[in-house]
């Protein structure tokens, strides 16, 4: 039940679609312009750098807030939950990412979950932050492909989680809990790769669109 509660808390916070609400404030439905994705990259391309940054921060924050609530209100309730700390954080983040990707009130058409995943990485363990930053920005800055950086960050997260788990970095976590954590992380990676399936095809074909940090708005009339 505690796992389901954490998923539910995460899902509720994940439902706050920053790109969708920001777009509505500016008179557009972000799902109908550009790539049609309700996320940071599409907002950046359509509405510019400021809008992209606001959406990024909003989507990162919602996962972090959900995790903070679990850390402060749920985990202290029972000593057993202390041993499950990292597992419950993963369940909460999974809920937030699911809420972001599949919001029921938007016909389950949301974003791709990378900014929400950044909130997980920032809240999970300090060792993951540097690796996450490098895993995303090195391929992105070299190629200008956000999708490539996004795919790399997930792959590195899963690998790092398994390596650190097997070397005993997660105090109190039994081997069974570690296997459960690996399964959740692997599920999230598969979901991210599925959400990026069209981008993967374009990367292979060499037709993926490049993205620049300081991006002038395309304008929703002609965004592709």
Protein backbone atom coordinates (compact mmCIF):
# COMPACT_ATOMS: atom_id res chain seq x y z
CA UNK A 1 0.00 0.00 0.00
CA UNK A 2 2.83 2.41 0.78
CA UNK A 3 4.15 1.92 -2.74
CA UNK A 4 0.75 2.74 -4.24
CA UNK A 5 0.46 5.82 -2.01
CA UNK A 6 3.82 7.12 -3.25
CA UNK A 7 2.82 6.50 -6.87
CA UNK A 8 -0.46 8.35 -6.28
CA UNK A 9 1.27 11.34 -4.66
CA UNK A 10 3.70 11.51 -7.56
CA UNK A 11 0.96 11.14 -10.17
CA UNK A 12 -1.08 14.00 -8.66
CA UNK A 13 1.89 16.36 -8.86
CA UNK A 14 2.84 15.07 -12.30
CA UNK A 15 -0.56 16.16 -13.59
CA UNK A 16 0.54 19.80 -13.42
CA UNK A 17 1.39 20.26 -17.09
CA UNK A 18 3.59 23.34 -17.08
CA UNK A 19 3.87 23.57 -20.87
CA UNK A 20 0.12 23.17 -21.37
CA UNK A 21 -0.82 25.83 -18.80
CA UNK A 22 1.91 28.23 -19.91
CA UNK A 23 0.78 27.87 -23.51
CA UNK A 24 -2.84 28.52 -22.54
CA UNK A 25 -1.77 31.73 -20.80
CA UNK A 26 -0.34 32.81 -24.15
CA UNK A 27 -3.34 31.79 -26.19
CA UNK A 28 -2.11 28.51 -27.67
CA UNK A 29 -2.45 24.81 -27.06
CA UNK A 30 1.14 23.58 -27.06
CA UNK A 31 -0.11 20.16 -28.22
CA UNK A 32 -1.24 21.60 -31.54
CA UNK A 33 1.93 23.42 -32.53
CA UNK A 34 5.51 22.45 -33.26
CA UNK A 35 6.10 18.80 -32.47
CA UNK A 36 2.86 18.60 -30.51
CA UNK A 37 4.70 17.54 -27.37
CA UNK A 38 3.72 19.17 -24.08
CA UNK A 39 7.27 19.60 -22.84
CA UNK A 40 10.27 21.85 -22.50
CA UNK A 41 11.82 21.40 -25.94
CA UNK A 42 8.66 22.11 -27.91
CA UNK A 43 7.91 25.12 -25.71
CA UNK A 44 11.45 26.40 -26.24
CA UNK A 45 11.12 26.12 -30.01
CA UNK A 46 7.64 27.61 -30.23
CA UNK A 47 7.71 30.30 -27.53
CA UNK A 48 11.43 30.93 -26.96
CA UNK A 49 14.12 30.50 -24.31
CA UNK A 50 12.28 32.19 -21.43
CA UNK A 51 9.21 30.03 -21.92
CA UNK A 52 11.32 26.89 -22.22
CA UNK A 53 13.15 27.70 -18.98
CA UNK A 54 9.90 28.31 -17.10
CA UNK A 55 8.45 25.02 -18.30
CA UNK A 56 11.68 23.19 -17.45
CA UNK A 57 11.73 24.55 -13.91
CA UNK A 58 8.05 23.79 -13.41
CA UNK A 59 8.37 20.19 -14.55
CA UNK A 60 11.53 19.62 -12.51
CA UNK A 61 9.94 21.19 -9.43
CA UNK A 62 6.78 19.07 -9.46
CA UNK A 63 8.76 15.85 -9.11
CA UNK A 64 11.00 17.35 -6.44
CA UNK A 65 8.02 18.60 -4.43
CA UNK A 66 6.30 15.22 -4.58
CA UNK A 67 9.50 13.51 -3.40
CA UNK A 68 9.99 16.11 -0.65
CA UNK A 69 6.48 15.42 0.68
CA UNK A 70 7.22 11.69 0.79
CA UNK A 71 10.55 12.32 2.52
CA UNK A 72 9.01 14.59 5.17
CA UNK A 73 5.57 13.07 5.68
CA UNK A 74 5.64 9.41 4.66
CA UNK A 75 9.11 8.00 5.30
CA UNK A 76 9.33 9.22 8.95
CA UNK A 77 6.07 7.39 9.79
CA UNK A 78 7.68 3.97 10.17
CA UNK A 79 11.28 2.78 10.75
CA UNK A 80 10.73 0.23 7.98
CA UNK A 81 10.11 3.06 5.54
CA UNK A 82 13.55 4.46 6.37
CA UNK A 83 15.09 1.31 4.91
CA UNK A 84 12.86 1.73 1.87
CA UNK A 85 13.80 5.39 1.40
CA UNK A 86 15.32 5.15 -2.05
CA UNK A 87 12.72 2.67 -3.22
CA UNK A 88 9.86 4.95 -2.15
CA UNK A 89 11.54 7.92 -3.83
CA UNK A 90 11.67 5.94 -7.06
CA UNK A 91 8.00 5.01 -6.79
CA UNK A 92 7.08 8.65 -6.18
CA UNK A 93 9.12 9.81 -9.16
CA UNK A 94 7.61 7.08 -11.32
CA UNK A 95 4.17 8.39 -10.41
CA UNK A 96 5.17 11.95 -11.28
CA UNK A 97 6.63 10.89 -14.62
CA UNK A 98 3.52 8.86 -15.43
CA UNK A 99 1.35 11.85 -14.51
CA UNK A 100 3.45 14.06 -16.76
CA UNK A 101 3.46 11.64 -19.69
CA UNK A 102 -0.12 10.44 -19.38
CA UNK A 103 -2.37 13.08 -17.76
CA UNK A 104 -5.93 11.78 -17.73
CA UNK A 105 -7.50 15.22 -18.28
CA UNK A 106 -5.50 15.73 -21.48
CA UNK A 107 -6.52 12.46 -23.02
CA UNK A 108 -3.30 10.87 -21.67
CA UNK A 109 -1.29 13.01 -24.11
CA UNK A 110 1.47 14.71 -22.14
CA UNK A 111 5.21 15.14 -22.40
CA UNK A 112 8.14 12.75 -22.56
CA UNK A 113 9.16 12.94 -18.92
CA UNK A 114 12.78 14.09 -19.13
CA UNK A 115 12.41 17.29 -17.08
CA UNK A 116 10.36 15.36 -14.53
CA UNK A 117 13.17 12.79 -14.45
CA UNK A 118 15.65 15.59 -13.78
CA UNK A 119 13.65 16.28 -10.63
CA UNK A 120 14.20 12.66 -9.61
CA UNK A 121 17.95 12.85 -10.23
CA UNK A 122 18.26 16.09 -8.25
CA UNK A 123 16.34 14.59 -5.31
CA UNK A 124 17.64 11.03 -5.33
CA UNK A 125 21.29 11.09 -4.31
CA UNK A 126 24.03 13.73 -4.72
CA UNK A 127 26.23 11.26 -6.60
CA UNK A 128 23.68 11.14 -9.40
CA UNK A 129 23.58 14.88 -10.10
CA UNK A 130 27.02 15.27 -11.68
CA UNK A 131 26.64 12.12 -13.78
CA UNK A 132 23.19 13.23 -14.89
CA UNK A 133 24.42 16.67 -15.92
CA UNK A 134 27.34 15.22 -17.88
CA UNK A 135 25.20 12.48 -19.44
CA UNK A 136 22.79 15.04 -20.84
CA UNK A 137 24.93 18.05 -21.69
CA UNK A 138 27.96 16.36 -23.27
CA UNK A 139 25.99 14.71 -26.10
CA UNK A 140 23.61 17.67 -26.34
CA UNK A 141 26.30 20.34 -26.60
CA UNK A 142 28.23 18.27 -29.15
CA UNK A 143 25.27 17.36 -31.37
CA UNK A 144 22.54 19.87 -30.38
CA UNK A 145 20.11 16.94 -30.16
CA UNK A 146 18.00 17.15 -27.01
CA UNK A 147 16.63 13.68 -27.66
CA UNK A 148 20.12 12.15 -27.67
CA UNK A 149 20.96 13.78 -24.35
CA UNK A 150 17.64 12.58 -22.95
CA UNK A 151 18.29 9.00 -23.99
CA UNK A 152 21.81 9.11 -22.58
CA UNK A 153 20.71 10.47 -19.21
CA UNK A 154 18.33 7.54 -18.71
CA UNK A 155 20.84 4.93 -19.75
CA UNK A 156 23.45 6.37 -17.40
CA UNK A 157 20.94 6.62 -14.55
CA UNK A 158 20.09 2.93 -14.80
CA UNK A 159 23.73 1.87 -15.05
CA UNK A 160 24.77 4.09 -12.14
CA UNK A 161 21.87 2.87 -10.00
CA UNK A 162 22.85 -0.77 -10.51
CA UNK A 163 26.56 -0.16 -9.93
CA UNK A 164 26.03 1.90 -6.78
CA UNK A 165 23.38 -0.49 -5.52
CA UNK A 166 25.66 -3.50 -5.84
CA UNK A 167 28.45 -1.64 -4.06
CA UNK A 168 26.22 -0.86 -1.07
CA UNK A 169 25.65 2.88 -1.50
CA UNK A 170 21.96 2.67 -0.52
CA UNK A 171 22.03 2.09 3.23
CA UNK A 172 19.41 -0.28 4.55
CA UNK A 173 18.24 -1.51 1.16
CA UNK A 174 18.07 -5.29 0.94
CA UNK A 175 19.02 -7.10 -2.25
CA UNK A 176 15.32 -7.64 -2.94
CA UNK A 177 14.71 -3.88 -2.63
CA UNK A 178 17.64 -3.23 -4.93
CA UNK A 179 16.18 -5.54 -7.57
CA UNK A 180 12.87 -3.69 -7.22
CA UNK A 181 14.66 -0.36 -7.66
CA UNK A 182 16.44 -1.65 -10.76
CA UNK A 183 13.12 -2.82 -12.20
CA UNK A 184 11.50 0.60 -11.67
CA UNK A 185 14.46 2.40 -13.22
CA UNK A 186 14.47 0.03 -16.18
CA UNK A 187 10.72 0.56 -16.64
CA UNK A 188 11.20 4.33 -16.65
CA UNK A 189 14.01 4.03 -19.20
CA UNK A 190 11.89 1.84 -21.50
CA UNK A 191 9.00 4.30 -21.20
CA UNK A 192 11.31 7.20 -22.05
CA UNK A 193 12.69 5.36 -25.07
CA UNK A 194 9.14 4.52 -26.17
CA UNK A 195 8.12 8.17 -25.86
CA UNK A 196 11.18 9.09 -27.95
CA UNK A 197 10.65 6.40 -30.59
CA UNK A 198 10.07 8.91 -33.40
CA UNK A 199 13.17 10.83 -32.31
CA UNK A 200 15.22 7.63 -32.36
CA UNK A 201 14.14 6.97 -35.94
CA UNK A 202 15.12 10.52 -36.92
CA UNK A 203 18.48 10.19 -35.15
CA UNK A 204 19.20 7.04 -37.11
CA UNK A 205 18.17 8.71 -40.37
CA UNK A 206 20.05 11.91 -39.56
CA UNK A 207 16.89 14.03 -39.79
CA UNK A 208 16.45 14.89 -36.11
CA UNK A 209 15.96 18.62 -35.53
CA UNK A 210 18.66 20.45 -33.59
CA UNK A 211 17.84 22.65 -30.62
CA UNK A 212 19.77 25.65 -29.33
CA UNK A 213 19.72 26.96 -25.76
CA UNK A 214 19.06 30.51 -26.87
CA UNK A 215 16.23 29.94 -29.28
CA UNK A 216 14.08 32.58 -30.91
CA UNK A 217 10.40 31.64 -30.98
CA UNK A 218 9.30 29.89 -34.16
CA UNK A 219 5.83 31.26 -33.77
CA UNK A 220 2.95 28.82 -33.49
CA UNK A 221 1.67 29.55 -36.95
CA UNK A 222 4.62 28.01 -38.75
CA UNK A 223 6.32 25.79 -36.20
CA UNK A 224 7.20 22.36 -37.54
